[in-house]
Amino acid sequence: MDNSEYMEILLDGKSNLEELFADLDQEFRLANKKKSKNSDRIIPGFRSVLKLQNLPERFIKLFEKRKLLTESN
């Protein structure tokens, strides 16, 4: 931090470290907001399926039933 050339490169036109980190924080938040918009998409109607309390049991029954059907053929 005592090296003025290093600080000039690090600050990249900002007046101090506080200003640099404030800009970095804002850029980081914008990048995360864009990322979260794309990753939060769920097929319409699927959210209600995910909220079913007995969803795991239903899957187990479905697979057991399918296994019985394939074994009987």
Protein backbone atom coordinates (compact mmCIF):
# COMPACT_ATOMS: atom_id res chain seq x y z
CA MET A 1 0.00 0.00 0.00
CA ASP A 2 2.99 2.26 0.34
CA ASN A 3 3.86 1.83 -3.33
CA SER A 4 2.08 4.67 -5.18
CA GLU A 5 2.34 2.97 -8.58
CA TYR A 6 0.71 -0.16 -7.20
CA MET A 7 -2.08 1.85 -5.60
CA GLU A 8 -2.70 3.75 -8.84
CA ILE A 9 -3.10 0.46 -10.72
CA LEU A 10 -5.22 -1.05 -7.97
CA LEU A 11 -7.55 1.92 -7.63
CA ASP A 12 -8.04 2.15 -11.41
CA GLY A 13 -9.11 5.80 -11.33
CA LYS A 14 -10.96 5.64 -8.00
CA SER A 15 -9.96 8.10 -5.30
CA ASN A 16 -9.59 5.52 -2.49
CA LEU A 17 -10.10 1.88 -1.53
CA GLU A 18 -13.56 2.57 -0.12
CA GLU A 19 -14.76 3.86 -3.49
CA LEU A 20 -13.15 0.89 -5.28
CA PHE A 21 -14.85 -1.66 -3.02
CA ALA A 22 -18.19 0.15 -3.25
CA ASP A 23 -18.08 -0.16 -7.04
CA LEU A 24 -17.01 -3.78 -6.84
CA ASP A 25 -19.86 -4.54 -4.44
CA GLN A 26 -22.38 -2.95 -6.78
CA GLU A 27 -21.05 -4.90 -9.77
CA PHE A 28 -21.11 -8.12 -7.74
CA ARG A 29 -24.74 -7.54 -6.70
CA LEU A 30 -25.83 -6.85 -10.28
CA ALA A 31 -24.10 -9.99 -11.53
CA ASN A 32 -25.77 -12.10 -8.83
CA LYS A 33 -29.17 -10.59 -9.56
CA LYS A 34 -28.87 -11.49 -13.25
CA LYS A 35 -27.71 -14.99 -12.36
CA SER A 36 -30.56 -15.59 -9.90
CA LYS A 37 -33.22 -14.48 -12.40
CA ASN A 38 -32.19 -17.21 -14.82
CA SER A 39 -31.71 -19.96 -12.27
CA ASP A 40 -35.07 -19.52 -10.52
CA ARG A 41 -37.22 -20.63 -13.44
CA ILE A 42 -39.52 -23.56 -12.73
CA ILE A 43 -41.95 -25.12 -15.17
CA PRO A 44 -45.46 -23.68 -14.60
CA GLY A 45 -47.41 -25.85 -12.19
CA PHE A 46 -44.32 -27.70 -11.00
CA ARG A 47 -43.92 -25.49 -7.94
CA SER A 48 -47.22 -26.82 -6.55
CA VAL A 49 -46.01 -30.38 -7.11
CA LEU A 50 -42.83 -29.64 -5.16
CA LYS A 51 -44.92 -28.37 -2.25
CA LEU A 52 -46.80 -31.67 -1.83
CA GLN A 53 -46.07 -33.00 1.64
CA ASN A 54 -46.17 -36.65 0.60
CA LEU A 55 -44.19 -36.26 -2.60
CA PRO A 56 -41.44 -38.76 -1.69
CA GLU A 57 -44.01 -41.42 -0.77
CA ARG A 58 -45.86 -40.83 -4.05
CA PHE A 59 -42.65 -41.35 -6.02
CA ILE A 60 -41.91 -44.56 -4.13
CA LYS A 61 -45.41 -45.90 -4.82
CA LEU A 62 -45.14 -44.90 -8.47
CA PHE A 63 -41.85 -46.73 -8.94
CA GLU A 64 -43.06 -49.78 -7.02
CA LYS A 65 -46.17 -49.92 -9.19
CA ARG A 66 -44.10 -49.57 -12.36
CA LYS A 67 -41.73 -52.31 -11.18
CA LEU A 68 -44.71 -54.66 -10.57
CA LEU A 69 -46.10 -53.89 -14.03
CA THR A 70 -42.79 -54.58 -15.79
CA GLU A 71 -42.27 -57.81 -13.81
CA SER A 72 -45.73 -59.12 -14.72
CA ASN A 73 -45.09 -58.72 -18.49
